[in-house]
Amino acid sequence: MYHRLGDHLARLPIGWYGAGRVGEVSVLASRGVLQAMSVVVHLLAPFISACATP
């Protein structure tokens, strides 16, 4: 996920990176990605057990 985010950020024009945007990207890369991945991790075990139990 970090590689895809980095690839996308590399394609953006230089003018896109203002003072506020750099802070937003920093928060997204540090906190946002980890929160998004934790949802998948926490829901994966119940999903697998629900599919395997029947």
Protein backbone atom coordinates (compact mmCIF):
# COMPACT_ATOMS: atom_id res chain seq x y z
CA MET A 1 0.00 0.00 0.00
CA TYR A 2 2.88 2.34 0.76
CA HIS A 3 4.39 1.63 -2.65
CA ARG A 4 1.13 2.50 -4.41
CA LEU A 5 0.81 5.70 -2.39
CA GLY A 6 4.38 6.64 -3.26
CA ASP A 7 3.82 5.90 -6.95
CA HIS A 8 0.72 8.08 -6.95
CA LEU A 9 2.46 10.93 -5.12
CA ALA A 10 5.33 10.79 -7.61
CA ARG A 11 2.89 11.41 -10.48
CA LEU A 12 1.40 14.57 -8.94
CA PRO A 13 2.64 17.96 -10.19
CA ILE A 14 5.05 19.94 -8.02
CA GLY A 15 2.49 22.73 -7.58
CA TRP A 16 0.19 20.33 -5.74
CA TYR A 17 2.58 20.17 -2.80
CA GLY A 18 1.80 23.22 -0.68
CA ALA A 19 2.41 23.62 3.04
CA GLY A 20 -0.99 22.17 3.97
CA ARG A 21 -0.78 19.30 1.51
CA VAL A 22 2.54 18.04 2.83
CA GLY A 23 1.02 17.76 6.32
CA GLU A 24 -2.02 15.93 4.96
CA VAL A 25 0.16 13.47 3.07
CA SER A 26 2.28 12.89 6.15
CA VAL A 27 -0.78 12.08 8.28
CA LEU A 28 -2.26 9.91 5.55
CA ALA A 29 0.96 7.93 5.14
CA SER A 30 1.51 7.43 8.85
CA ARG A 31 -1.90 7.14 10.42
CA GLY A 32 -4.36 6.68 7.56
CA VAL A 33 -2.74 3.68 5.91
CA LEU A 34 -2.31 1.86 9.21
CA GLN A 35 -5.94 2.46 10.15
CA ALA A 36 -7.17 1.23 6.79
CA MET A 37 -5.06 -1.92 7.00
CA SER A 38 -6.12 -2.63 10.58
CA VAL A 39 -9.74 -2.86 9.44
CA VAL A 40 -8.80 -5.60 7.00
CA VAL A 41 -6.75 -7.46 9.60
CA HIS A 42 -9.45 -7.33 12.27
CA LEU A 43 -12.24 -8.43 9.92
CA LEU A 44 -10.29 -11.15 8.14
CA ALA A 45 -10.35 -13.73 10.98
CA PRO A 46 -14.14 -13.52 11.57
CA PHE A 47 -14.74 -13.68 7.82
CA ILE A 48 -12.62 -16.81 7.41
CA SER A 49 -14.21 -18.52 10.39
CA ALA A 50 -17.70 -17.62 9.13
CA CYS A 51 -16.90 -19.12 5.73
CA ALA A 52 -15.17 -22.23 7.09
CA THR A 53 -17.63 -23.08 9.87
CA PRO A 54 -20.66 -24.05 7.76
